[in-house]
Amino acid sequence: MSDRLSVLKTYKLYVGGKFPRSESGRVYEVTDSKGKWLANAPLSSRKDARDAVVAARKAVDAWSGTTAYNRGQVLYRVAEMLEGRRSQFVHEVADAEGLSKSKATEQVDATIDRWVWYAGWTDKIAQVVGGGNPVAGPFFNLSSPEPTGVVAVLAPQESSFLGLVSVLAPVIATGNTAVVVASEKSPLPALSLAEVLATSDVPGGVVNVLSGRTAEIATPLASHQDVNAIDLAGADEVLAKELEIAAADNLKRVLRPQPVDNWSDAPGIDRMTAFLETKTVWHPTGSLGASGSSY
């Protein structure tokens, strides 16, 4: 049998439902935990970040207007597609994080389950954080959660797949759109996830994935006037402070880095409520029928 050359994968960004190379044409080498070359990843520029924000903004109205039940179906479809590509992600996570095959399998299985978990919450979170408020007078007073808008998400640096999904899924589950900055050291699982999202009924622009230098990409996102919130999970303390100052210019919601001992632990609902606004509506009760009874 004749020898053949392997077909090496070309990793690309994911912006607006398409897979462009960085507009700068730059790439950087990605290596495994032992320093072995794995691939060249796109080195995103400020222009790429701005393009991703434009795509995310265009997708906000349609995605936030989708019923919560339908968003849950879309997130569940992501889990289905990941299940079919499970072996690929086990290999990529093992290389990215220096894990054994069994440990990488645990991480991938937990990631798939994480999508299912958030899919189940899409049509339930409103019941938990919304409700009727007691008021003195003939009024209804109802509070309901609404998405914040465009959220920049700095993925955790060490947990390249499970950590990434743990910060991304709650953002889109609640109707926001996202610009994700993948782990600088281990971006390949995130870039491969983009291929799954593109074939999982997630509309183009709802999730946009950038790779490169976290500080270089995050700085324009933090100061961008059309980004409504930012999750600093993947920033160190110094960078997080700089980004929080930049984000104050347009009063962005900021979720500062939180210590996470184990990303496999039950996530709770904090990352969903972090990027929800509360809308309160007042309405007079009025009267019903000729009897004049009220409700």
Foldseek 3Di string as FASTA:
>chain_A
DDDDDDDADDFAWAAQLDGHAAPVPDWDFAFFPVRHTDYTYGAHAQVLLVRLLVLQQVCQVVQLPDALLVLLQLLLLLLVLCVVVLVVQLVLQCRLQVHDSVVSSVLSVLQSVLSNVLSVCLNPVQVVPWAWDDDPDQKTKTKGKGFQEEEEEEFAQNSQRLSRSLLPSLNSSRRYAYEYEGRANRNVSVSVSSVSSSVRPNGGSSYIYDYHDCLRSLQCVLQPLSHQAYEPQHPDPVSQVVSVVNNPVNDHQYHYHDDDPDSSPDSPCVSNVSRIDMDMDMDGQFADDPVRHTD
